[in-house]
Amino acid sequence: MHLRTLCLALGLALAAGACGKKEPEVKRRVFGDERKPVQVRVGEEFALAVSYNPTVSPDYRPELQEPLADFLTLVTTEYKSSDPGSRATGVGGTRYWILKGVRAGEGKVVFACKAKELAPPNRVFTVAVSGP
């Protein structure tokens, strides 16, 4: 009886450990300097990194301007705080726009704030997607 209980407990512990595993992180290139052209291949996911502060008014946060060029698709966004333990006003970080090249093409990806006064300048990345 004790052996049976021990086996059951061991099985539950192993199952719980398997459930707690994280998905493997996708390795993708990150581009944060708009002065350098972004060059990727069709099917490749990549990230454009822009300074972002969620504690300020939405009018002063840089957002991806639509429409996005037809050779790109937005996969998701991720935010990483510069001080992960703090929720204090003024603590910013970086927002990553994860994009994917869906066909060959070249164009601009623009990040801008709604507000025009006292807002940071637009960030404009030149992106080229080449064929497979």
Protein backbone atom coordinates (compact mmCIF):
# COMPACT_ATOMS: atom_id res chain seq x y z
CA MET A 1 0.00 0.00 0.00
CA HIS A 2 2.81 2.44 0.85
CA LEU A 3 4.60 1.64 -2.38
CA ARG A 4 1.42 2.35 -4.32
CA THR A 5 0.99 5.73 -2.56
CA LEU A 6 4.64 6.56 -3.17
CA CYS A 7 4.31 5.76 -6.89
CA LEU A 8 1.14 7.85 -7.15
CA ALA A 9 2.83 10.80 -5.42
CA LEU A 10 5.89 10.49 -7.64
CA GLY A 11 3.70 10.38 -10.77
CA LEU A 12 1.80 13.50 -9.68
CA ALA A 13 5.04 15.35 -8.93
CA LEU A 14 6.45 14.50 -12.36
CA ALA A 15 3.23 15.60 -14.07
CA ALA A 16 3.21 18.89 -12.15
CA GLY A 17 6.83 19.52 -13.12
CA ALA A 18 6.05 18.93 -16.78
CA CYS A 19 3.14 21.38 -16.63
CA GLY A 20 5.38 24.08 -15.21
CA LYS A 21 7.83 24.01 -18.10
CA LYS A 22 8.03 27.14 -20.20
CA GLU A 23 7.75 27.09 -23.95
CA PRO A 24 11.16 27.50 -25.57
CA GLU A 25 11.83 31.11 -26.48
CA VAL A 26 11.84 31.90 -30.17
CA LYS A 27 15.17 33.37 -31.22
CA ARG A 28 14.62 36.43 -33.36
CA ARG A 29 16.76 39.34 -34.33
CA VAL A 30 16.04 42.65 -32.63
CA PHE A 31 16.52 45.99 -34.36
CA GLY A 32 16.52 49.20 -32.36
CA ASP A 33 18.54 51.68 -34.40
CA GLU A 34 16.45 53.13 -37.19
CA ARG A 35 19.56 54.58 -38.82
CA LYS A 36 20.50 51.04 -39.91
CA PRO A 37 18.31 49.28 -42.50
CA VAL A 38 16.51 46.14 -41.37
CA GLN A 39 17.10 43.22 -43.75
CA VAL A 40 15.22 39.96 -43.22
CA ARG A 41 14.05 36.97 -45.27
CA VAL A 42 10.53 35.90 -46.18
CA GLY A 43 9.12 33.89 -43.27
CA GLU A 44 11.50 35.39 -40.71
CA GLU A 45 10.17 36.93 -37.51
CA PHE A 46 12.02 39.94 -36.14
CA ALA A 47 11.49 42.62 -33.52
CA LEU A 48 11.60 46.39 -33.73
CA ALA A 49 12.51 47.83 -30.31
CA VAL A 50 11.25 51.25 -29.25
CA SER A 51 11.55 53.02 -25.88
CA TYR A 52 8.13 52.91 -24.26
CA ASN A 53 6.65 54.18 -21.01
CA PRO A 54 3.24 52.75 -20.08
CA THR A 55 2.95 55.17 -17.14
CA VAL A 56 2.49 58.26 -19.33
CA SER A 57 -0.61 59.34 -21.22
CA PRO A 58 -1.37 57.14 -24.25
CA ASP A 59 -1.05 60.25 -26.44
CA TYR A 60 2.68 60.32 -25.64
CA ARG A 61 3.44 56.64 -26.24
CA PRO A 62 4.93 55.67 -29.62
CA GLU A 63 2.59 53.34 -31.50
CA LEU A 64 2.92 51.46 -34.75
CA GLN A 65 1.30 53.49 -37.50
CA GLU A 66 -1.19 51.74 -39.74
CA PRO A 67 -1.48 50.60 -42.41
CA LEU A 68 1.51 48.33 -42.15
CA ALA A 69 3.32 47.61 -45.42
CA ASP A 70 1.66 44.67 -47.22
CA PHE A 71 4.85 42.58 -47.18
CA LEU A 72 4.83 42.51 -43.34
CA THR A 73 2.46 41.19 -40.73
CA LEU A 74 2.29 42.04 -37.02
CA VAL A 75 2.70 38.88 -34.93
CA THR A 76 2.52 40.33 -31.41
CA THR A 77 4.02 42.90 -29.06
CA GLU A 78 6.05 42.42 -25.90
CA TYR A 79 7.02 44.91 -23.20
CA LYS A 80 10.06 44.70 -20.91
CA SER A 81 10.41 47.17 -18.06
CA SER A 82 13.79 48.75 -17.34
CA ASP A 83 12.97 48.09 -13.65
CA PRO A 84 10.82 44.93 -13.52
CA GLY A 85 10.10 45.19 -9.77
CA SER A 86 8.79 48.75 -9.92
CA ARG A 87 5.42 50.13 -10.95
CA ALA A 88 6.41 53.70 -10.13
CA THR A 89 5.36 56.52 -12.41
CA GLY A 90 8.09 57.32 -14.90
CA VAL A 91 9.62 53.86 -15.04
CA GLY A 92 9.81 53.00 -18.70
CA GLY A 93 11.22 50.21 -20.73
CA THR A 94 11.18 48.83 -24.24
CA ARG A 95 8.28 47.66 -26.33
CA TYR A 96 9.03 45.09 -29.00
CA TRP A 97 6.84 44.89 -32.07
CA ILE A 98 7.27 41.38 -33.45
CA LEU A 99 6.83 41.39 -37.23
CA LYS A 100 7.12 38.75 -39.91
CA GLY A 101 8.14 39.14 -43.52
CA VAL A 102 5.41 37.47 -45.61
CA ARG A 103 6.71 38.35 -49.08
CA ALA A 104 9.57 40.25 -50.67
CA GLY A 105 9.33 44.02 -50.47
CA GLU A 106 10.82 47.18 -49.04
CA GLY A 107 9.29 50.07 -47.17
CA LYS A 108 9.03 52.09 -43.98
CA VAL A 109 7.67 51.14 -40.56
CA VAL A 110 6.72 54.23 -38.55
CA PHE A 111 6.19 54.65 -34.81
CA ALA A 112 4.60 57.94 -33.73
CA CYS A 113 2.76 59.51 -30.81
CA LYS A 114 -0.76 60.92 -31.17
CA ALA A 115 0.30 64.14 -29.45
CA LYS A 116 2.48 66.42 -31.51
CA GLU A 117 3.55 68.85 -28.76
CA LEU A 118 6.39 67.71 -26.48
CA ALA A 119 6.25 64.23 -27.98
CA PRO A 120 9.42 62.39 -28.97
CA PRO A 121 10.21 62.38 -32.70
CA ASN A 122 8.80 59.65 -34.90
CA ARG A 123 10.88 56.50 -35.23
CA VAL A 124 11.11 55.34 -38.85
CA PHE A 125 12.68 51.99 -39.74
CA THR A 126 13.49 51.00 -43.31
CA VAL A 127 12.69 47.31 -43.74
CA ALA A 128 13.64 45.09 -46.67
CA VAL A 129 12.33 41.54 -46.96
CA SER A 130 14.08 39.34 -49.50
CA GLY A 131 12.81 36.14 -51.08
CA PRO A 132 13.39 32.65 -49.72
